[in-house]
């Protein structure tokens, strides 16, 4: 996995409207690069829901949040985009960005008690459907990367299991440190 202190690997990828999203075009602003699993993943959709519930913490801070999914754009529109996130969704069905950033898949991470006790029960409570037909590896572990204005990775967070993302308070602290 890409380590803190290294330059973030540049990429160009597809968004939902076939616009091209290039990481290097975001230089000058902090970037939160969040890797999810697949579009119909109930754990991922719950995480997007959590982010939206607390979006006031992030709104108007002059940063870019890029959310990468291992699904094609039509699946992102079918599931994730229905929540109307105010950040860009990236379709990476070939999983090129996952490889470039060194993300892993883990059988053990899928069997963690946290997946069932926290993730799936919370998703169910919010009305998120649990039936998930994966696009790509179902055992993909999420990860988050905080990239500074110069394009250097300042913080990485590899999930401990398939339901684990960086705490939102850490994202807030990163943005404050960046003057955002």
C-alpha atoms as a PDB file:
ATOM      1  CA  UNK A   1       0.000   0.000   0.000  1.00  0.00           C
ATOM      2  CA  UNK A   2       1.154   3.557  -0.723  1.00  0.00           C
ATOM      3  CA  UNK A   3       2.834   5.014   2.350  1.00  0.00           C
ATOM      4  CA  UNK A   4       2.561   8.428   3.953  1.00  0.00           C
ATOM      5  CA  UNK A   5       5.284  10.811   2.784  1.00  0.00           C
ATOM      6  CA  UNK A   6       5.238   9.617  -0.816  1.00  0.00           C
ATOM      7  CA  UNK A   7       3.804  11.428  -3.796  1.00  0.00           C
ATOM      8  CA  UNK A   8       0.305  10.204  -4.560  1.00  0.00           C
ATOM      9  CA  UNK A   9       0.284   8.230  -7.810  1.00  0.00           C
ATOM     10  CA  UNK A  10      -1.503  10.304 -10.415  1.00  0.00           C
ATOM     11  CA  UNK A  11      -4.424   8.857 -12.309  1.00  0.00           C
ATOM     12  CA  UNK A  12      -7.161   9.713 -14.728  1.00  0.00           C
ATOM     13  CA  UNK A  13     -10.455   7.889 -14.239  1.00  0.00           C
ATOM     14  CA  UNK A  14     -14.122   8.011 -15.205  1.00  0.00           C
ATOM     15  CA  UNK A  15     -16.788   9.713 -13.165  1.00  0.00           C
ATOM     16  CA  UNK A  16     -20.507   9.097 -13.449  1.00  0.00           C
ATOM     17  CA  UNK A  17     -21.103  11.298 -16.460  1.00  0.00           C
ATOM     18  CA  UNK A  18     -18.070  10.027 -18.360  1.00  0.00           C
ATOM     19  CA  UNK A  19     -16.116  13.100 -17.269  1.00  0.00           C
ATOM     20  CA  UNK A  20     -12.446  12.395 -16.748  1.00  0.00           C
ATOM     21  CA  UNK A  21     -11.185  12.907 -13.202  1.00  0.00           C
ATOM     22  CA  UNK A  22      -7.455  13.538 -12.892  1.00  0.00           C
ATOM     23  CA  UNK A  23      -5.850  13.583  -9.446  1.00  0.00           C
ATOM     24  CA  UNK A  24      -3.065  16.001 -10.416  1.00  0.00           C
ATOM     25  CA  UNK A  25      -5.654  18.605 -11.481  1.00  0.00           C
ATOM     26  CA  UNK A  26      -6.589  18.885  -7.785  1.00  0.00           C
ATOM     27  CA  UNK A  27      -3.128  20.191  -6.779  1.00  0.00           C
ATOM     28  CA  UNK A  28      -3.451  23.257  -4.599  1.00  0.00           C
ATOM     29  CA  UNK A  29      -6.310  21.738  -2.585  1.00  0.00           C
ATOM     30  CA  UNK A  30      -6.307  18.859  -0.105  1.00  0.00           C
ATOM     31  CA  UNK A  31      -7.751  15.579  -1.363  1.00  0.00           C
ATOM     32  CA  UNK A  32      -9.445  12.755   0.500  1.00  0.00           C
ATOM     33  CA  UNK A  33      -9.201   9.674  -1.698  1.00  0.00           C
ATOM     34  CA  UNK A  34     -11.577   7.022  -0.325  1.00  0.00           C
ATOM     35  CA  UNK A  35     -11.617   3.487  -1.693  1.00  0.00           C
ATOM     36  CA  UNK A  36     -14.813   1.513  -1.241  1.00  0.00           C
ATOM     37  CA  UNK A  37     -15.761  -1.987  -2.304  1.00  0.00           C
ATOM     38  CA  UNK A  38     -18.614  -2.260  -4.827  1.00  0.00           C
ATOM     39  CA  UNK A  39     -21.690  -0.140  -5.545  1.00  0.00           C
ATOM     40  CA  UNK A  40     -24.291  -2.480  -4.037  1.00  0.00           C
ATOM     41  CA  UNK A  41     -22.229  -3.175  -0.900  1.00  0.00           C
ATOM     42  CA  UNK A  42     -24.476  -2.406   2.091  1.00  0.00           C
ATOM     43  CA  UNK A  43     -21.439  -1.536   4.224  1.00  0.00           C
ATOM     44  CA  UNK A  44     -20.192   0.962   1.629  1.00  0.00           C
ATOM     45  CA  UNK A  45     -23.623   2.504   1.180  1.00  0.00           C
ATOM     46  CA  UNK A  46     -23.931   2.848   4.930  1.00  0.00           C
ATOM     47  CA  UNK A  47     -20.543   4.617   5.017  1.00  0.00           C
ATOM     48  CA  UNK A  48     -21.710   7.064   2.342  1.00  0.00           C
ATOM     49  CA  UNK A  49     -24.855   7.584   4.440  1.00  0.00           C
ATOM     50  CA  UNK A  50     -22.686   8.343   7.523  1.00  0.00           C
ATOM     51  CA  UNK A  51     -20.623  10.820   5.516  1.00  0.00           C
ATOM     52  CA  UNK A  52     -23.756  12.585   4.291  1.00  0.00           C
ATOM     53  CA  UNK A  53     -25.256  12.748   7.800  1.00  0.00           C
ATOM     54  CA  UNK A  54     -22.157  14.596   8.975  1.00  0.00           C
ATOM     55  CA  UNK A  55     -21.427  16.510   5.782  1.00  0.00           C
ATOM     56  CA  UNK A  56     -21.749  19.879   7.531  1.00  0.00           C
ATOM     57  CA  UNK A  57     -18.375  18.995   9.112  1.00  0.00           C
ATOM     58  CA  UNK A  58     -16.868  18.979   5.597  1.00  0.00           C
ATOM     59  CA  UNK A  59     -18.943  21.376   3.506  1.00  0.00           C
ATOM     60  CA  UNK A  60     -17.290  24.567   2.247  1.00  0.00           C
ATOM     61  CA  UNK A  61     -13.761  23.509   3.265  1.00  0.00           C
ATOM     62  CA  UNK A  62     -12.117  23.750  -0.167  1.00  0.00           C
ATOM     63  CA  UNK A  63     -11.104  20.122  -0.513  1.00  0.00           C
ATOM     64  CA  UNK A  64     -11.863  17.322  -2.953  1.00  0.00           C
ATOM     65  CA  UNK A  65     -13.350  14.020  -1.887  1.00  0.00           C
ATOM     66  CA  UNK A  66     -12.961  11.331  -4.522  1.00  0.00           C
ATOM     67  CA  UNK A  67     -14.807   8.079  -3.789  1.00  0.00           C
ATOM     68  CA  UNK A  68     -13.538   5.084  -5.773  1.00  0.00           C
ATOM     69  CA  UNK A  69     -15.668   1.970  -6.317  1.00  0.00           C
ATOM     70  CA  UNK A  70     -14.728  -1.248  -8.110  1.00  0.00           C
ATOM     71  CA  UNK A  71     -18.005  -1.041 -10.051  1.00  0.00           C
ATOM     72  CA  UNK A  72     -18.952   0.323 -13.454  1.00  0.00           C
ATOM     73  CA  UNK A  73     -20.646   3.722 -13.621  1.00  0.00           C
ATOM     74  CA  UNK A  74     -24.126   2.310 -14.283  1.00  0.00           C
ATOM     75  CA  UNK A  75     -23.962   0.359 -10.995  1.00  0.00           C
ATOM     76  CA  UNK A  76     -22.833   3.477  -9.118  1.00  0.00           C
ATOM     77  CA  UNK A  77     -25.823   5.350 -10.515  1.00  0.00           C
ATOM     78  CA  UNK A  78     -28.112   2.464  -9.527  1.00  0.00           C
ATOM     79  CA  UNK A  79     -26.971   2.343  -5.890  1.00  0.00           C
ATOM     80  CA  UNK A  80     -24.611   4.992  -4.484  1.00  0.00           C
ATOM     81  CA  UNK A  81     -25.655   8.016  -6.558  1.00  0.00           C
ATOM     82  CA  UNK A  82     -29.237   7.656  -5.307  1.00  0.00           C
ATOM     83  CA  UNK A  83     -27.986   9.170  -2.047  1.00  0.00           C
ATOM     84  CA  UNK A  84     -26.908  12.296  -4.008  1.00  0.00           C
ATOM     85  CA  UNK A  85     -23.422  12.607  -2.524  1.00  0.00           C
ATOM     86  CA  UNK A  86     -21.861  16.074  -2.928  1.00  0.00           C
ATOM     87  CA  UNK A  87     -18.538  14.506  -3.918  1.00  0.00           C
ATOM     88  CA  UNK A  88     -17.270  12.736  -7.008  1.00  0.00           C
ATOM     89  CA  UNK A  89     -17.782   9.020  -7.523  1.00  0.00           C
ATOM     90  CA  UNK A  90     -15.180   7.168  -9.571  1.00  0.00           C
ATOM     91  CA  UNK A  91     -15.942   3.951 -11.430  1.00  0.00           C
ATOM     92  CA  UNK A  92     -12.924   1.622 -11.489  1.00  0.00           C
ATOM     93  CA  UNK A  93     -14.256  -1.757 -12.671  1.00  0.00           C
ATOM     94  CA  UNK A  94     -10.822  -2.776 -13.976  1.00  0.00           C
ATOM     95  CA  UNK A  95      -9.495  -2.035 -10.454  1.00  0.00           C
ATOM     96  CA  UNK A  96      -6.491  -0.154 -11.819  1.00  0.00           C
ATOM     97  CA  UNK A  97      -6.560   2.406  -9.000  1.00  0.00           C
ATOM     98  CA  UNK A  98      -6.870  -0.333  -6.380  1.00  0.00           C
ATOM     99  CA  UNK A  99      -3.725  -1.913  -7.788  1.00  0.00           C
ATOM    100  CA  UNK A 100      -1.912   1.411  -8.139  1.00  0.00           C
ATOM    101  CA  UNK A 101      -2.572   2.252  -4.482  1.00  0.00           C
ATOM    102  CA  UNK A 102      -1.885  -1.294  -3.264  1.00  0.00           C
ATOM    103  CA  UNK A 103      -5.249  -2.199  -1.786  1.00  0.00           C
ATOM    104  CA  UNK A 104      -5.831  -5.692  -0.498  1.00  0.00           C
ATOM    105  CA  UNK A 105      -8.552  -8.295  -0.264  1.00  0.00           C
ATOM    106  CA  UNK A 106      -8.762 -10.455   2.844  1.00  0.00           C
ATOM    107  CA  UNK A 107     -10.911 -13.435   3.763  1.00  0.00           C
ATOM    108  CA  UNK A 108     -10.323 -12.775   7.475  1.00  0.00           C
ATOM    109  CA  UNK A 109     -11.416  -9.139   7.109  1.00  0.00           C
ATOM    110  CA  UNK A 110     -14.779 -10.316   5.793  1.00  0.00           C
ATOM    111  CA  UNK A 111     -15.377 -12.532   8.833  1.00  0.00           C
ATOM    112  CA  UNK A 112     -14.646  -9.901  11.487  1.00  0.00           C
ATOM    113  CA  UNK A 113     -17.256  -9.560  14.225  1.00  0.00           C
ATOM    114  CA  UNK A 114     -17.296  -5.800  13.502  1.00  0.00           C
ATOM    115  CA  UNK A 115     -18.769  -6.501  10.063  1.00  0.00           C
ATOM    116  CA  UNK A 116     -21.833  -8.095  11.603  1.00  0.00           C
ATOM    117  CA  UNK A 117     -22.185  -6.191  14.876  1.00  0.00           C
ATOM    118  CA  UNK A 118     -21.508  -2.680  13.617  1.00  0.00           C
ATOM    119  CA  UNK A 119     -21.673  -2.643   9.844  1.00  0.00           C
ATOM    120  CA  UNK A 120     -24.556  -4.817   8.762  1.00  0.00           C
ATOM    121  CA  UNK A 121     -26.796  -4.027  11.737  1.00  0.00           C
ATOM    122  CA  UNK A 122     -26.291  -0.275  11.203  1.00  0.00           C
ATOM    123  CA  UNK A 123     -26.996  -0.618   7.484  1.00  0.00           C
ATOM    124  CA  UNK A 124     -30.188  -2.571   8.216  1.00  0.00           C
ATOM    125  CA  UNK A 125     -31.327   0.074  10.701  1.00  0.00           C
ATOM    126  CA  UNK A 126     -30.964   2.730   7.974  1.00  0.00           C
ATOM    127  CA  UNK A 127     -32.995   0.689   5.498  1.00  0.00           C
ATOM    128  CA  UNK A 128     -30.065  -0.253   3.282  1.00  0.00           C
ATOM    129  CA  UNK A 129     -30.674  -3.538   1.475  1.00  0.00           C
ATOM    130  CA  UNK A 130     -28.293  -6.296   2.485  1.00  0.00           C
ATOM    131  CA  UNK A 131     -28.459  -8.201  -0.786  1.00  0.00           C
ATOM    132  CA  UNK A 132     -25.194  -7.316  -2.456  1.00  0.00           C
ATOM    133  CA  UNK A 133     -24.093  -8.593  -5.836  1.00  0.00           C
ATOM    134  CA  UNK A 134     -20.392  -7.757  -5.962  1.00  0.00           C
ATOM    135  CA  UNK A 135     -18.595  -6.155  -8.868  1.00  0.00           C
ATOM    136  CA  UNK A 136     -15.091  -7.481  -8.348  1.00  0.00           C
ATOM    137  CA  UNK A 137     -13.643  -9.016  -5.194  1.00  0.00           C
ATOM    138  CA  UNK A 138     -16.194  -9.199  -2.371  1.00  0.00           C
ATOM    139  CA  UNK A 139     -13.304  -9.456   0.093  1.00  0.00           C
ATOM    140  CA  UNK A 140     -11.822  -6.035  -0.803  1.00  0.00           C
ATOM    141  CA  UNK A 141     -10.747  -4.053   2.271  1.00  0.00           C
ATOM    142  CA  UNK A 142     -11.535  -0.297   2.148  1.00  0.00           C
ATOM    143  CA  UNK A 143      -8.799   2.313   2.486  1.00  0.00           C
ATOM    144  CA  UNK A 144      -8.507   6.078   2.764  1.00  0.00           C
ATOM    145  CA  UNK A 145      -5.674   8.392   1.692  1.00  0.00           C
ATOM    146  CA  UNK A 146      -5.263  12.031   2.706  1.00  0.00           C
ATOM    147  CA  UNK A 147      -3.249  13.974   0.136  1.00  0.00           C
ATOM    148  CA  UNK A 148      -1.928  17.475   0.780  1.00  0.00           C
ATOM    149  CA  UNK A 149      -1.968  20.478  -1.560  1.00  0.00           C
ATOM    150  CA  UNK A 150       1.378  19.432  -3.085  1.00  0.00           C
ATOM    151  CA  UNK A 151       0.165  15.932  -3.941  1.00  0.00           C
ATOM    152  CA  UNK A 152       1.939  14.145  -1.083  1.00  0.00           C
ATOM    153  CA  UNK A 153       0.127  11.440   0.882  1.00  0.00           C
ATOM    154  CA  UNK A 154      -0.022  12.637   4.486  1.00  0.00           C
ATOM    155  CA  UNK A 155      -2.040   9.793   6.012  1.00  0.00           C
ATOM    156  CA  UNK A 156      -3.162   6.343   4.949  1.00  0.00           C
ATOM    157  CA  UNK A 157      -5.811   4.221   6.604  1.00  0.00           C
ATOM    158  CA  UNK A 158      -6.232   0.561   5.692  1.00  0.00           C
ATOM    159  CA  UNK A 159      -9.484  -0.828   7.068  1.00  0.00           C
ATOM    160  CA  UNK A 160      -9.162  -3.568   9.672  1.00  0.00           C
ATOM    161  CA  UNK A 161     -12.110  -5.306   8.038  1.00  0.00           C
ATOM    162  CA  UNK A 162     -14.535  -4.791   5.153  1.00  0.00           C
ATOM    163  CA  UNK A 163     -16.700  -2.423   7.228  1.00  0.00           C
ATOM    164  CA  UNK A 164     -13.872  -0.214   8.509  1.00  0.00           C
ATOM    165  CA  UNK A 165     -13.030   3.246   7.166  1.00  0.00           C
ATOM    166  CA  UNK A 166     -11.040   6.093   8.625  1.00  0.00           C
ATOM    167  CA  UNK A 167     -12.906   7.807  11.480  1.00  0.00           C
ATOM    168  CA  UNK A 168     -14.561  10.993  10.221  1.00  0.00           C
ATOM    169  CA  UNK A 169     -12.839  12.938  13.003  1.00  0.00           C
ATOM    170  CA  UNK A 170      -9.468  12.040  11.443  1.00  0.00           C
ATOM    171  CA  UNK A 171     -10.646  13.447   8.114  1.00  0.00           C
ATOM    172  CA  UNK A 172     -11.673  16.634   9.920  1.00  0.00           C
ATOM    173  CA  UNK A 173      -8.272  16.841  11.656  1.00  0.00           C
ATOM    174  CA  UNK A 174      -6.450  16.375   8.318  1.00  0.00           C
ATOM    175  CA  UNK A 175      -8.452  19.191   6.733  1.00  0.00           C
ATOM    176  CA  UNK A 176      -7.786  21.513   9.692  1.00  0.00           C
ATOM    177  CA  UNK A 177      -4.063  20.746   9.423  1.00  0.00           C
ATOM    178  CA  UNK A 178      -4.270  21.692   5.739  1.00  0.00           C
ATOM    179  CA  UNK A 179      -5.938  25.005   6.576  1.00  0.00           C
ATOM    180  CA  UNK A 180      -9.224  23.829   5.119  1.00  0.00           C
END
